[in-house]
Protein backbone atom coordinates (compact mmCIF):
# COMPACT_ATOMS: atom_id res chain seq x y z
CA UNK A 1 172.31 53.93 51.87
CA UNK A 2 173.51 51.49 54.52
CA UNK A 3 177.29 51.30 55.05
CA UNK A 4 179.19 48.48 53.37
CA UNK A 5 181.08 46.19 55.76
CA UNK A 6 184.14 44.52 54.30
CA UNK A 7 184.95 41.09 55.71
CA UNK A 8 188.39 40.03 56.83
CA UNK A 9 188.49 37.62 53.89
CA UNK A 10 187.76 40.35 51.34
CA UNK A 11 190.20 42.68 53.07
CA UNK A 12 192.93 40.06 52.71
CA UNK A 13 192.10 39.56 49.02
CA UNK A 14 192.30 43.33 48.48
CA UNK A 15 195.61 43.46 50.35
CA UNK A 16 197.02 40.63 48.25
CA UNK A 17 195.93 42.37 45.05
CA UNK A 18 197.71 45.55 46.07
CA UNK A 19 200.88 43.65 46.92
CA UNK A 20 200.89 41.73 43.66
CA UNK A 21 200.09 44.73 41.48
CA UNK A 22 203.65 46.00 41.52
CA UNK A 23 205.03 42.90 39.83
CA UNK A 24 202.61 42.79 36.90
CA UNK A 25 204.47 45.11 34.55
CA UNK A 26 207.99 44.01 35.36
CA UNK A 27 210.47 42.95 32.72
CA UNK A 28 210.76 39.32 31.72
CA UNK A 29 214.39 39.24 32.85
CA UNK A 30 213.15 39.44 36.47
CA UNK A 31 210.36 36.90 36.00
CA UNK A 32 211.87 34.35 38.37
CA UNK A 33 212.40 36.73 41.29
CA UNK A 34 209.02 38.36 40.64
CA UNK A 35 207.50 34.90 40.99
CA UNK A 36 209.17 34.48 44.40
CA UNK A 37 207.89 37.94 45.40
CA UNK A 38 204.35 36.98 44.40
CA UNK A 39 204.52 33.74 46.38
CA UNK A 40 205.69 35.56 49.49
CA UNK A 41 203.01 38.26 49.22
CA UNK A 42 200.31 35.59 48.88
CA UNK A 43 201.64 33.95 52.02
CA UNK A 44 201.50 37.33 53.79
CA UNK A 45 197.89 37.82 52.70
CA UNK A 46 196.99 34.28 53.75
CA UNK A 47 198.26 35.04 57.23
CA UNK A 48 195.64 37.81 57.46
CA UNK A 49 192.83 35.43 56.47
CA UNK A 50 193.89 32.64 58.81
CA UNK A 51 192.31 32.24 62.22
CA UNK A 52 194.48 33.02 65.19
CA UNK A 53 196.43 29.94 66.28
CA UNK A 54 195.07 28.10 69.29
CA UNK A 55 197.55 27.38 72.08
CA UNK A 56 198.92 23.88 71.76
CA UNK A 57 199.78 21.48 74.52
CA UNK A 58 203.55 21.46 74.65
CA UNK A 59 205.20 18.06 74.84
CA UNK A 60 208.70 16.80 75.39
CA UNK A 61 210.45 13.64 74.27
CA UNK A 62 211.82 11.07 76.69
CA UNK A 63 213.55 7.77 76.13
CA UNK A 64 211.70 4.63 77.11
CA UNK A 65 214.30 2.73 79.14
CA UNK A 66 212.87 -0.68 78.17
CA UNK A 67 212.59 -0.17 74.40
CA UNK A 68 215.06 2.72 74.05
CA UNK A 69 212.49 4.36 71.80
CA UNK A 70 211.60 8.03 72.20
CA UNK A 71 208.11 8.74 73.44
CA UNK A 72 206.23 12.00 73.72
CA UNK A 73 205.35 13.06 77.26
CA UNK A 74 203.11 16.04 78.12
CA UNK A 75 204.87 18.80 80.00
CA UNK A 76 203.95 19.59 83.57
CA UNK A 77 201.46 22.40 84.19
CA UNK A 78 204.27 24.60 85.49
CA UNK A 79 206.34 23.96 82.37
CA UNK A 80 203.32 24.63 80.13
CA UNK A 81 202.66 27.97 81.79
CA UNK A 82 206.29 28.98 81.49
CA UNK A 83 206.35 28.07 77.80
CA UNK A 84 203.05 29.80 77.02
CA UNK A 85 204.23 32.92 78.78
CA UNK A 86 207.50 32.81 76.89
CA UNK A 87 205.87 32.43 73.47
CA UNK A 88 203.05 34.91 74.06
CA UNK A 89 200.23 32.38 73.81
CA UNK A 90 197.40 33.44 76.12
CA UNK A 91 194.97 30.69 77.05
CA UNK A 92 193.29 32.98 79.56
CA UNK A 93 191.96 35.42 76.94
CA UNK A 94 188.97 35.21 74.60
CA UNK A 95 189.25 36.33 70.98
CA UNK A 96 186.80 38.99 69.76
CA UNK A 97 187.56 40.58 66.39
CA UNK A 98 187.26 44.36 66.18
CA UNK A 99 185.72 45.59 62.92
CA UNK A 100 187.54 48.91 62.51
CA UNK A 101 191.08 48.61 61.14
CA UNK A 102 193.26 49.07 58.11
CA UNK A 103 196.88 48.46 57.15
CA UNK A 104 199.71 50.11 59.07
CA UNK A 105 201.30 52.97 57.13
CA UNK A 106 204.96 53.94 56.84
CA UNK A 107 205.87 57.03 58.86
CA UNK A 108 209.54 57.49 57.90
CA UNK A 109 211.59 57.49 54.71
CA UNK A 110 215.23 56.37 54.89
CA UNK A 111 217.52 57.40 52.03
CA UNK A 112 220.58 55.31 51.12
CA UNK A 113 223.28 55.20 48.48
CA UNK A 114 223.93 51.74 47.12
CA UNK A 115 227.75 51.79 47.40
CA UNK A 116 227.67 49.79 44.17
CA UNK A 117 228.43 50.62 40.56
CA UNK A 118 225.20 50.05 38.66
CA UNK A 119 221.46 49.54 38.94
CA UNK A 120 221.84 45.99 37.63
CA UNK A 121 224.36 45.18 40.36
CA UNK A 122 221.99 46.44 43.07
CA UNK A 123 218.98 44.62 41.61
CA UNK A 124 221.03 41.44 41.62
CA UNK A 125 221.97 42.05 45.26
CA UNK A 126 218.31 42.51 46.20
CA UNK A 127 217.22 39.34 44.39
CA UNK A 128 219.81 36.83 45.60
CA UNK A 129 218.47 34.53 48.35
CA UNK A 130 221.50 34.80 50.63
CA UNK A 131 221.91 38.61 50.77
CA UNK A 132 218.89 39.23 53.06
CA UNK A 133 218.66 42.91 52.10
CA UNK A 134 216.07 44.94 50.19
CA UNK A 135 214.59 48.39 49.69
CA UNK A 136 211.25 49.63 48.47
CA UNK A 137 212.66 51.80 45.68
CA UNK A 138 215.84 52.07 43.64
CA UNK A 139 216.63 55.20 41.61
CA UNK A 140 219.24 55.06 38.85
CA UNK A 141 221.71 57.72 37.74
CA UNK A 142 219.48 58.58 34.76
CA UNK A 143 216.42 59.07 36.96
CA UNK A 144 214.86 55.66 36.29
CA UNK A 145 212.80 54.45 39.27
CA UNK A 146 212.29 50.80 40.21
CA UNK A 147 209.76 49.78 42.83
CA UNK A 148 210.97 46.58 44.48
CA UNK A 149 208.55 46.21 47.39
CA UNK A 150 204.99 47.28 48.03
CA UNK A 151 204.98 50.29 50.38
CA UNK A 152 203.07 48.30 53.02
CA UNK A 153 205.65 45.53 53.22
CA UNK A 154 208.53 45.61 55.69
CA UNK A 155 211.77 46.01 53.76
CA UNK A 156 215.17 44.93 55.06
CA UNK A 157 217.14 48.13 54.53
CA UNK A 158 217.65 49.84 57.89
CA UNK A 159 219.44 47.07 59.75
CA UNK A 160 220.12 47.75 63.41
CA UNK A 161 219.02 51.35 63.18
CA UNK A 162 217.64 53.60 65.91
CA UNK A 163 215.98 57.00 65.89
CA UNK A 164 214.78 58.40 69.18
CA UNK A 165 213.09 55.52 70.97
CA UNK A 166 212.37 53.60 67.77
CA UNK A 167 214.64 50.57 67.55
CA UNK A 168 212.99 48.75 64.61
CA UNK A 169 213.16 51.27 61.79
CA UNK A 170 212.37 48.66 59.15
CA UNK A 171 208.85 48.32 60.58
CA UNK A 172 208.00 52.01 60.26
CA UNK A 173 209.87 53.17 57.16
CA UNK A 174 210.23 53.07 53.41
CA UNK A 175 213.77 52.54 52.12
CA UNK A 176 215.01 54.31 49.00
CA UNK A 177 218.34 53.39 47.41
CA UNK A 178 220.17 55.80 45.08
CA UNK A 179 222.52 54.22 42.55
CA UNK A 180 225.77 55.83 43.71
CA UNK A 181 229.11 54.41 44.82
CA UNK A 182 229.43 56.92 47.68
CA UNK A 183 232.34 58.78 46.09
CA UNK A 184 230.54 60.77 43.40
CA UNK A 185 227.97 63.59 43.17
CA UNK A 186 224.31 62.73 42.67
CA UNK A 187 223.10 63.82 39.18
CA UNK A 188 220.32 66.41 39.07
CA UNK A 189 218.09 64.06 37.08
CA UNK A 190 218.41 61.44 39.84
CA UNK A 191 217.67 63.95 42.62
CA UNK A 192 214.66 65.29 40.70
CA UNK A 193 213.29 61.76 40.38
CA UNK A 194 213.83 61.31 44.13
CA UNK A 195 211.99 64.56 44.90
CA UNK A 196 209.01 63.46 42.80
CA UNK A 197 208.90 60.12 44.61
CA UNK A 198 209.25 61.75 48.05
CA UNK A 199 206.40 64.13 47.25
CA UNK A 200 204.16 61.17 46.40
CA UNK A 201 205.08 59.28 49.56
CA UNK A 202 204.65 62.30 51.78
CA UNK A 203 201.22 63.00 50.31
CA UNK A 204 200.03 59.38 50.36
CA UNK A 205 201.09 58.62 53.92
CA UNK A 206 201.17 62.06 55.55
CA UNK A 207 204.80 61.60 56.58
CA UNK A 208 206.10 64.48 58.76
CA UNK A 209 208.82 66.63 57.22
CA UNK A 210 211.30 65.76 59.99
CA UNK A 211 210.93 62.03 59.27
CA UNK A 212 212.91 62.02 56.02
CA UNK A 213 216.31 60.73 57.12
CA UNK A 214 219.52 59.22 55.86
CA UNK A 215 220.78 55.75 56.71
CA UNK A 216 223.66 57.28 58.66
CA UNK A 217 221.21 59.25 60.80
CA UNK A 218 219.76 56.06 62.21
CA UNK A 219 223.01 54.06 62.29
CA UNK A 220 225.81 56.58 62.94
CA UNK A 221 228.39 54.05 64.08
CA UNK A 222 227.87 51.75 61.06
CA UNK A 223 226.82 53.78 58.04
CA UNK A 224 227.79 56.93 56.14
CA UNK A 225 225.11 57.06 53.45
CA UNK A 226 224.01 59.05 51.69
CA UNK A 227 227.45 60.65 51.34
CA UNK A 228 228.57 64.26 51.78
CA UNK A 229 227.58 64.85 48.15
CA UNK A 230 223.88 64.43 48.96
CA UNK A 231 221.92 67.74 48.77
CA UNK A 232 220.05 67.75 52.09
CA UNK A 233 219.45 71.50 51.92
CA UNK A 234 217.70 71.14 48.56
CA UNK A 235 215.47 68.44 50.02
CA UNK A 236 214.59 70.69 52.96
CA UNK A 237 213.59 73.47 50.58
CA UNK A 238 211.14 71.03 48.98
CA UNK A 239 209.70 69.94 52.34
CA UNK A 240 211.74 66.84 53.19
CA UNK A 241 213.91 66.75 56.28
CA UNK A 242 215.09 69.72 58.31
CA UNK A 243 217.81 72.31 57.86
CA UNK A 244 218.88 75.47 59.63
CA UNK A 245 218.67 79.15 58.73
CA UNK A 246 222.23 79.89 57.66
CA UNK A 247 221.68 83.65 57.62
CA UNK A 248 220.19 83.84 61.10
CA UNK A 249 221.71 81.54 63.69
CA UNK A 250 220.82 81.95 67.34
CA UNK A 251 223.77 81.71 69.71
CA UNK A 252 223.34 78.81 72.15
CA UNK A 253 223.32 79.50 75.89
CA UNK A 254 226.54 78.79 77.79
CA UNK A 255 225.10 75.68 79.45
CA UNK A 256 223.84 74.21 76.16
CA UNK A 257 224.62 70.49 75.92
CA UNK A 258 225.12 69.81 72.21
CA UNK A 259 225.40 66.04 72.56
CA UNK A 260 222.18 65.85 74.58
CA UNK A 261 220.50 68.00 71.93
CA UNK A 262 221.54 65.49 69.25
CA UNK A 263 219.95 62.76 71.36
CA UNK A 264 216.72 64.72 71.70
CA UNK A 265 216.67 65.31 67.94
CA UNK A 266 216.82 61.53 67.47
CA UNK A 267 220.46 60.49 67.13
CA UNK A 268 221.85 57.49 68.96
CA UNK A 269 224.70 59.02 70.99
CA UNK A 270 225.95 55.78 72.56
CA UNK A 271 229.02 56.37 70.37
CA UNK A 272 229.41 60.17 70.74
CA UNK A 273 232.14 60.53 68.10
CA UNK A 274 230.09 58.63 65.53
CA UNK A 275 227.04 60.79 66.26
CA UNK A 276 229.12 63.96 65.82
CA UNK A 277 230.65 62.70 62.58
CA UNK A 278 227.22 61.86 61.19
CA UNK A 279 225.82 65.26 62.15
CA UNK A 280 228.78 67.07 60.54
CA UNK A 281 228.69 64.93 57.38
CA UNK A 282 225.10 66.00 56.85
CA UNK A 283 224.95 69.60 58.06
CA UNK A 284 228.53 70.95 58.02
CA UNK A 285 230.10 68.94 55.15
CA UNK A 286 233.37 70.89 55.00
CA UNK A 287 234.67 69.73 58.40
CA UNK A 288 234.23 66.09 59.38
CA UNK A 289 236.32 66.08 62.54
CA UNK A 290 234.99 64.54 65.75
CA UNK A 291 235.25 67.78 67.73
CA UNK A 292 232.45 70.32 67.91
CA UNK A 293 233.36 73.91 67.07
CA UNK A 294 231.34 76.90 68.23
CA UNK A 295 229.72 77.02 64.80
CA UNK A 296 228.81 73.33 65.02
CA UNK A 297 227.25 73.87 68.43
CA UNK A 298 225.30 76.83 67.05
CA UNK A 299 223.94 74.74 64.17
CA UNK A 300 222.93 71.97 66.57
CA UNK A 301 221.18 74.50 68.79
CA UNK A 302 219.16 75.86 65.86
CA UNK A 303 218.28 72.38 64.61
CA UNK A 304 217.30 71.41 68.17
CA UNK A 305 214.94 74.40 68.30
CA UNK A 306 213.34 73.35 65.00
CA UNK A 307 212.96 69.66 65.87
CA UNK A 308 211.42 70.45 69.22
């Protein structure tokens, strides 16, 4: 049987269908924001079907001294080239469409706590035009799970986050918000719902175990979520994120640079104290000071060995 070739048009239609699917069963109370979501996903799909834009001839406006009316004047060749270079429009290249492609897949999961008091409050936050923030999933205290963005869409949850050399975490990650004010334990039913969701995401997108992170991991100077109450060790035991062997810790060599090891693991150490606080909030929990003890250095050394 000859292979079936899917056209760009049909691919875009399929993509749009997948994006819109998530809103079909939503409650009527969110009908208005679901409508906005559907409009935006159609626009995203349309951008895949559209031909690449042709470079335009830039123009500028000048005043006609006699009539005092503005008139459009073509830019000089030098100005055109500078503008085209600046905007990434390449007149010197031909367009040839490759036929082998698919959608980009998420490769990280970032876990947050909402720092709010209810699921309804967070849903409202994510559906107000001026807030400019979103996540792919929201999990309530009773284990209820809300999908708020298609997995293939770029959510606005990570902010100015950085992990290793990746400076746009929104483009490579799925954001999960846990309904929690940051000052309370996470209920078992909520964590179990999270584990089920993480297992699905890991299987669907082949996300590496080390790539399940907290918001604070990627933004140590700005964020502290999820809080010290979050059970990172339990997640590690289920295959999400890394931990250390508490019963067998290798002593680091005398010349071991703990801060450099945090950088190699992925942490942004431009603010060393913030990086240390974030590490200790996640892995030490009982001591959140900004100084590294011998035990802290030992834990970092063992994590460093596992990451690398």
